[in-house]
């Protein structure tokens, strides 16, 4: 019962990773706001039944939960779900920013709407919900913000420039907010999940290699992500902040943060011609090989 009497808001909690997080949070004593607008993987439509079903599961197991159907992509939506937690239980202790959609497209074919939709749900969604929660947390001197990033942002992936840009933006949000909130007892961390969910159910299975990859992906259950979320939301993680984690099946990864790898300098400065001559044999020796995240992490589910 690591979260006894804690109040937790989980966005996108009607299905997949968010569902497992909400249920495990409740098993560890948390009172949970189960937020889910009930949209498709591309963000279309609305359906209240996924959030309602998770609430029923939690209540059947003796926990406390309430459904919320607001959109993370508006300030009004973020404020409404945080207010619901405070009105119901008097406080907000933790936020898990899990909600997301995909609009995959090669960049030269991507529309403004496909770009905006993904940025609004992922990056702006993190802002809207977290912005509503940080002041109540700051006033109480306690809070846990758990964000969700992706190797599509950390490393890169073909056909996901909108998604990768949003998810790398989440890393910047996480690092900066962690610095700002550290003095107030509020931690901010991010998780890059590897799990088989409906968002990646359309991965091609036309070749034997593709089929083999999908079978490996299916072994990576969303349940594997939830324990790290419970830990990060607990008192035990009070000294853990500004970190980027990965969860792949039963493996937990800590990602490095960007740091200088190698430098060159000269007193008189550089000309373009100088750089053309010196970079290949100096900085060029330390260039990171360009690989899609699926190659860097062979079982990466692209979420």
Protein backbone atom coordinates (compact mmCIF):
# COMPACT_ATOMS: atom_id res chain seq x y z
CA UNK A 1 0.00 0.00 0.00
CA UNK A 2 2.68 2.49 -1.06
CA UNK A 3 0.04 5.04 -2.07
CA UNK A 4 -2.40 4.76 0.83
CA UNK A 5 -4.72 7.79 0.85
CA UNK A 6 -2.89 9.44 -2.06
CA UNK A 7 -5.01 11.05 -4.79
CA UNK A 8 -3.80 10.31 -8.30
CA UNK A 9 -4.97 11.53 -11.71
CA UNK A 10 -4.13 9.25 -14.67
CA UNK A 11 -4.89 10.56 -18.16
CA UNK A 12 -5.66 8.17 -20.99
CA UNK A 13 -6.52 5.60 -18.33
CA UNK A 14 -9.31 3.79 -20.14
CA UNK A 15 -7.11 1.42 -22.10
CA UNK A 16 -3.60 0.06 -22.45
CA UNK A 17 -0.81 1.44 -20.30
CA UNK A 18 -2.98 4.03 -18.57
CA UNK A 19 -5.53 1.40 -17.56
CA UNK A 20 -2.88 -0.78 -15.92
CA UNK A 21 -1.39 2.22 -14.13
CA UNK A 22 -4.75 3.32 -12.72
CA UNK A 23 -5.61 -0.18 -11.50
CA UNK A 24 -2.22 -0.76 -9.85
CA UNK A 25 -2.29 2.69 -8.26
CA UNK A 26 -5.64 1.80 -6.69
CA UNK A 27 -4.34 -1.56 -5.49
CA UNK A 28 -1.63 0.32 -3.64
CA UNK A 29 -4.16 2.50 -1.86
CA UNK A 30 -4.54 5.50 -4.17
CA UNK A 31 -7.83 7.20 -4.92
CA UNK A 32 -7.82 7.53 -8.70
CA UNK A 33 -9.33 9.95 -11.20
CA UNK A 34 -9.60 7.81 -14.34
CA UNK A 35 -9.44 10.26 -17.22
CA UNK A 36 -10.24 9.11 -20.74
CA UNK A 37 -12.05 10.92 -23.52
CA UNK A 38 -12.56 7.58 -25.25
CA UNK A 39 -11.14 8.54 -28.63
CA UNK A 40 -9.67 6.24 -31.24
CA UNK A 41 -5.90 5.83 -31.61
CA UNK A 42 -5.99 8.75 -34.08
CA UNK A 43 -8.03 10.96 -31.75
CA UNK A 44 -11.44 10.56 -33.40
CA UNK A 45 -14.80 10.13 -31.63
CA UNK A 46 -15.69 9.95 -27.95
CA UNK A 47 -16.69 7.02 -25.74
CA UNK A 48 -17.16 7.13 -21.98
CA UNK A 49 -17.30 3.37 -21.51
CA UNK A 50 -13.49 2.71 -21.25
CA UNK A 51 -13.11 5.08 -18.27
CA UNK A 52 -16.30 3.77 -16.67
CA UNK A 53 -15.13 0.18 -17.03
CA UNK A 54 -11.81 0.90 -15.29
CA UNK A 55 -13.65 2.57 -12.42
CA UNK A 56 -15.83 -0.54 -12.06
CA UNK A 57 -12.74 -2.77 -11.95
CA UNK A 58 -11.15 -0.63 -9.24
CA UNK A 59 -14.32 -0.47 -7.16
CA UNK A 60 -14.88 -4.21 -7.50
CA UNK A 61 -11.44 -4.75 -5.97
CA UNK A 62 -12.29 -2.46 -3.06
CA UNK A 63 -10.63 0.69 -4.33
CA UNK A 64 -11.91 4.22 -4.89
CA UNK A 65 -12.08 5.83 -8.31
CA UNK A 66 -14.07 8.31 -10.36
CA UNK A 67 -14.29 8.65 -14.14
CA UNK A 68 -13.41 11.84 -16.00
CA UNK A 69 -14.05 12.50 -19.69
CA UNK A 70 -12.34 15.87 -20.24
CA UNK A 71 -9.79 16.54 -22.97
CA UNK A 72 -6.16 16.99 -21.94
CA UNK A 73 -5.58 19.36 -24.87
CA UNK A 74 -7.39 22.35 -23.34
CA UNK A 75 -6.73 24.39 -20.22
CA UNK A 76 -10.38 23.99 -19.25
CA UNK A 77 -10.06 20.21 -19.50
CA UNK A 78 -6.92 20.07 -17.39
CA UNK A 79 -8.41 22.34 -14.75
CA UNK A 80 -11.66 20.35 -14.66
CA UNK A 81 -10.00 16.99 -14.00
CA UNK A 82 -7.73 18.40 -11.27
CA UNK A 83 -10.69 20.21 -9.71
CA UNK A 84 -12.65 16.95 -9.75
CA UNK A 85 -9.91 15.27 -7.70
CA UNK A 86 -9.78 18.14 -5.19
CA UNK A 87 -13.56 18.43 -4.89
CA UNK A 88 -13.90 14.68 -4.35
CA UNK A 89 -10.95 13.97 -2.06
CA UNK A 90 -9.59 17.35 -1.01
CA UNK A 91 -6.22 17.26 -2.76
CA UNK A 92 -4.15 16.12 -5.74
CA UNK A 93 -0.95 14.20 -5.00
CA UNK A 94 0.16 12.81 -8.34
CA UNK A 95 -0.48 13.24 -12.06
CA UNK A 96 0.36 10.64 -14.70
CA UNK A 97 0.34 12.25 -18.16
CA UNK A 98 -0.27 9.17 -20.27
CA UNK A 99 -2.95 10.24 -22.80
CA UNK A 100 -1.88 10.15 -26.43
CA UNK A 101 -2.78 9.69 -30.08
CA UNK A 102 -0.91 8.94 -33.29
CA UNK A 103 -1.13 10.54 -36.73
CA UNK A 104 1.80 8.82 -38.43
CA UNK A 105 2.81 10.18 -41.83
CA UNK A 106 6.01 10.83 -43.75
CA UNK A 107 6.90 14.46 -43.11
CA UNK A 108 6.53 15.62 -46.72
CA UNK A 109 2.96 14.32 -46.69
CA UNK A 110 2.02 15.52 -43.20
CA UNK A 111 -0.81 18.04 -42.94
CA UNK A 112 -1.00 20.93 -40.52
CA UNK A 113 -3.95 19.22 -38.83
CA UNK A 114 -1.94 16.01 -38.32
CA UNK A 115 0.90 18.02 -36.81
CA UNK A 116 -1.35 20.12 -34.56
CA UNK A 117 -3.44 17.17 -33.35
CA UNK A 118 -0.43 15.26 -32.03
CA UNK A 119 1.31 18.31 -30.55
CA UNK A 120 -1.93 19.39 -28.84
CA UNK A 121 -2.63 16.03 -27.18
CA UNK A 122 0.92 15.14 -26.19
CA UNK A 123 2.90 18.31 -25.53
CA UNK A 124 0.12 20.80 -24.85
CA UNK A 125 -1.77 18.06 -23.00
CA UNK A 126 1.14 17.63 -20.61
CA UNK A 127 1.13 21.41 -20.06
CA UNK A 128 -2.63 21.80 -19.53
CA UNK A 129 -2.98 19.03 -16.95
CA UNK A 130 0.29 19.69 -15.14
CA UNK A 131 -0.28 23.44 -15.05
CA UNK A 132 -3.57 22.86 -13.24
CA UNK A 133 -1.95 20.54 -10.70
CA UNK A 134 1.33 22.23 -9.78
CA UNK A 135 -0.06 25.11 -7.72
CA UNK A 136 -2.09 22.87 -5.36
CA UNK A 137 0.98 20.62 -5.06
CA UNK A 138 3.27 23.59 -4.44
CA UNK A 139 1.00 24.92 -1.71
CA UNK A 140 0.98 21.55 0.09
CA UNK A 141 4.71 20.92 -0.38
CA UNK A 142 4.18 17.55 -2.04
CA UNK A 143 3.57 16.32 -5.55
CA UNK A 144 4.51 13.79 -8.17
CA UNK A 145 4.39 14.46 -11.92
CA UNK A 146 4.98 11.45 -14.17
CA UNK A 147 5.25 12.26 -17.87
CA UNK A 148 5.39 9.97 -20.88
CA UNK A 149 7.98 10.35 -23.62
CA UNK A 150 9.11 7.94 -26.35
CA UNK A 151 12.18 6.69 -28.14
CA UNK A 152 10.60 8.26 -31.23
CA UNK A 153 11.69 11.52 -29.66
CA UNK A 154 14.77 10.37 -27.76
CA UNK A 155 16.26 8.54 -30.74
CA UNK A 156 14.03 9.12 -33.75
CA UNK A 157 11.68 7.09 -35.90
CA UNK A 158 10.52 7.11 -39.50
CA UNK A 159 7.05 8.53 -40.11
CA UNK A 160 6.66 10.11 -36.67
CA UNK A 161 8.12 13.61 -36.83
CA UNK A 162 5.01 15.09 -35.20
CA UNK A 163 5.00 12.48 -32.44
CA UNK A 164 8.78 12.54 -31.95
CA UNK A 165 8.81 16.35 -31.72
CA UNK A 166 6.06 16.29 -29.11
CA UNK A 167 7.74 13.56 -27.09
CA UNK A 168 11.11 15.31 -27.11
CA UNK A 169 9.27 18.43 -26.00
CA UNK A 170 8.02 16.40 -23.04
CA UNK A 171 11.64 15.73 -22.08
CA UNK A 172 12.36 19.47 -22.05
CA UNK A 173 9.24 20.09 -20.00
CA UNK A 174 10.25 17.37 -17.55
CA UNK A 175 13.78 18.62 -17.02
CA UNK A 176 12.87 22.28 -16.64
CA UNK A 177 9.86 21.71 -14.41
CA UNK A 178 11.88 19.36 -12.21
CA UNK A 179 14.34 22.18 -11.57
CA UNK A 180 11.57 24.67 -10.82
CA UNK A 181 9.59 22.42 -8.48
CA UNK A 182 12.45 20.76 -6.58
CA UNK A 183 12.37 23.27 -3.73
CA UNK A 184 8.63 22.66 -3.22
CA UNK A 185 8.76 18.90 -2.70
CA UNK A 186 7.38 18.14 -6.17
CA UNK A 187 9.21 15.61 -8.36
CA UNK A 188 8.93 15.42 -12.14
CA UNK A 189 10.07 12.39 -14.15
CA UNK A 190 9.36 10.82 -17.53
CA UNK A 191 8.94 7.27 -18.78
CA UNK A 192 9.49 5.92 -22.29
CA UNK A 193 7.31 2.78 -22.47
CA UNK A 194 7.74 -0.32 -24.58
CA UNK A 195 4.41 -2.15 -24.60
CA UNK A 196 1.91 -3.77 -26.94
CA UNK A 197 -1.14 -1.50 -27.11
CA UNK A 198 -3.83 -0.60 -29.64
CA UNK A 199 -1.75 2.41 -30.72
CA UNK A 200 0.72 0.05 -32.36
CA UNK A 201 -1.69 -2.65 -33.45
CA UNK A 202 -1.32 -1.58 -37.08
CA UNK A 203 2.36 -2.50 -37.38
CA UNK A 204 2.84 -4.34 -40.72
CA UNK A 205 3.05 -8.14 -40.63
CA UNK A 206 3.73 -8.79 -44.28
CA UNK A 207 7.17 -10.41 -43.92
CA UNK A 208 8.50 -13.09 -41.60
CA UNK A 209 10.76 -10.52 -39.92
CA UNK A 210 7.78 -8.22 -39.30
CA UNK A 211 5.71 -11.07 -37.89
CA UNK A 212 8.56 -12.11 -35.59
CA UNK A 213 8.91 -8.54 -34.33
CA UNK A 214 5.19 -8.28 -33.58
CA UNK A 215 5.29 -11.52 -31.61
CA UNK A 216 8.12 -10.14 -29.48
CA UNK A 217 6.21 -6.89 -29.00
CA UNK A 218 3.16 -8.77 -27.76
CA UNK A 219 5.26 -10.12 -24.90
CA UNK A 220 5.71 -6.57 -23.61
CA UNK A 221 2.56 -6.13 -21.58
CA UNK A 222 1.37 -2.69 -20.39
CA UNK A 223 1.38 -4.21 -16.90
CA UNK A 224 5.18 -3.98 -16.88
CA UNK A 225 5.04 -0.15 -16.98
CA UNK A 226 2.71 0.33 -14.01
CA UNK A 227 5.07 -0.65 -11.12
CA UNK A 228 7.56 2.10 -11.97
CA UNK A 229 4.69 4.62 -11.96
CA UNK A 230 3.57 3.49 -8.50
CA UNK A 231 7.14 3.83 -7.21
CA UNK A 232 7.60 7.30 -8.72
CA UNK A 233 4.30 8.43 -7.19
CA UNK A 234 5.26 7.22 -3.73
CA UNK A 235 7.15 8.75 -0.80
CA UNK A 236 10.02 6.38 -1.59
CA UNK A 237 10.83 8.35 -4.76
CA UNK A 238 11.14 11.71 -3.06
CA UNK A 239 14.76 12.12 -4.17
CA UNK A 240 14.16 10.99 -7.77
CA UNK A 241 13.45 13.89 -10.11
CA UNK A 242 14.33 15.08 -13.61
CA UNK A 243 15.04 11.52 -14.78
CA UNK A 244 14.09 9.77 -18.02
CA UNK A 245 13.29 6.08 -17.64
CA UNK A 246 12.44 3.34 -20.08
CA UNK A 247 10.47 0.18 -19.37
CA UNK A 248 10.81 -2.79 -21.70
CA UNK A 249 9.15 -5.96 -20.42
CA UNK A 250 10.93 -6.74 -17.12
CA UNK A 251 13.80 -4.37 -17.86
CA UNK A 252 13.97 -0.80 -16.52
CA UNK A 253 16.26 1.59 -18.37
CA UNK A 254 17.74 4.91 -17.25
CA UNK A 255 18.45 7.15 -20.23
CA UNK A 256 21.45 9.46 -20.29
CA UNK A 257 20.90 13.18 -20.72
CA UNK A 258 22.63 15.13 -23.52
CA UNK A 259 26.15 16.09 -22.56
CA UNK A 260 29.11 17.39 -24.64
CA UNK A 261 30.90 14.50 -26.33
CA UNK A 262 33.87 16.28 -27.90
CA UNK A 263 34.90 19.88 -28.65
CA UNK A 264 37.22 21.72 -31.01
CA UNK A 265 38.43 25.30 -30.64
CA UNK A 266 40.97 27.76 -32.00
CA UNK A 267 41.92 31.27 -30.88
CA UNK A 268 41.33 32.89 -34.28
CA UNK A 269 37.93 31.25 -34.77
CA UNK A 270 36.73 29.21 -37.73
CA UNK A 271 36.06 29.62 -41.41
CA UNK A 272 33.73 27.25 -43.29
CA UNK A 273 36.77 25.91 -45.14
CA UNK A 274 38.58 25.20 -41.88
CA UNK A 275 35.59 23.30 -40.57
CA UNK A 276 35.25 21.26 -43.75
CA UNK A 277 38.84 20.15 -43.28
CA UNK A 278 38.92 19.45 -39.55
CA UNK A 279 35.46 18.16 -38.60
CA UNK A 280 35.63 14.76 -40.37
CA UNK A 281 38.71 13.72 -38.39
CA UNK A 282 37.69 15.26 -35.06
CA UNK A 283 34.02 15.74 -34.19
CA UNK A 284 33.11 13.40 -37.04
CA UNK A 285 34.73 10.49 -35.22
CA UNK A 286 32.15 10.88 -32.47
CA UNK A 287 29.01 11.35 -34.55
CA UNK A 288 26.07 9.22 -33.45
CA UNK A 289 25.03 6.77 -36.12
CA UNK A 290 21.58 7.63 -37.43
CA UNK A 291 19.18 4.80 -36.63
CA UNK A 292 15.44 4.63 -36.20
CA UNK A 293 14.36 3.71 -32.69
CA UNK A 294 13.11 0.34 -33.92
CA UNK A 295 16.69 -0.49 -34.89
CA UNK A 296 18.28 0.93 -31.76
CA UNK A 297 15.79 -0.99 -29.62
CA UNK A 298 14.74 -3.96 -31.79
CA UNK A 299 11.52 -4.54 -29.86
CA UNK A 300 10.48 -0.90 -29.61
CA UNK A 301 6.72 -0.65 -30.16
CA UNK A 302 6.94 2.92 -31.45
CA UNK A 303 4.81 4.47 -28.72
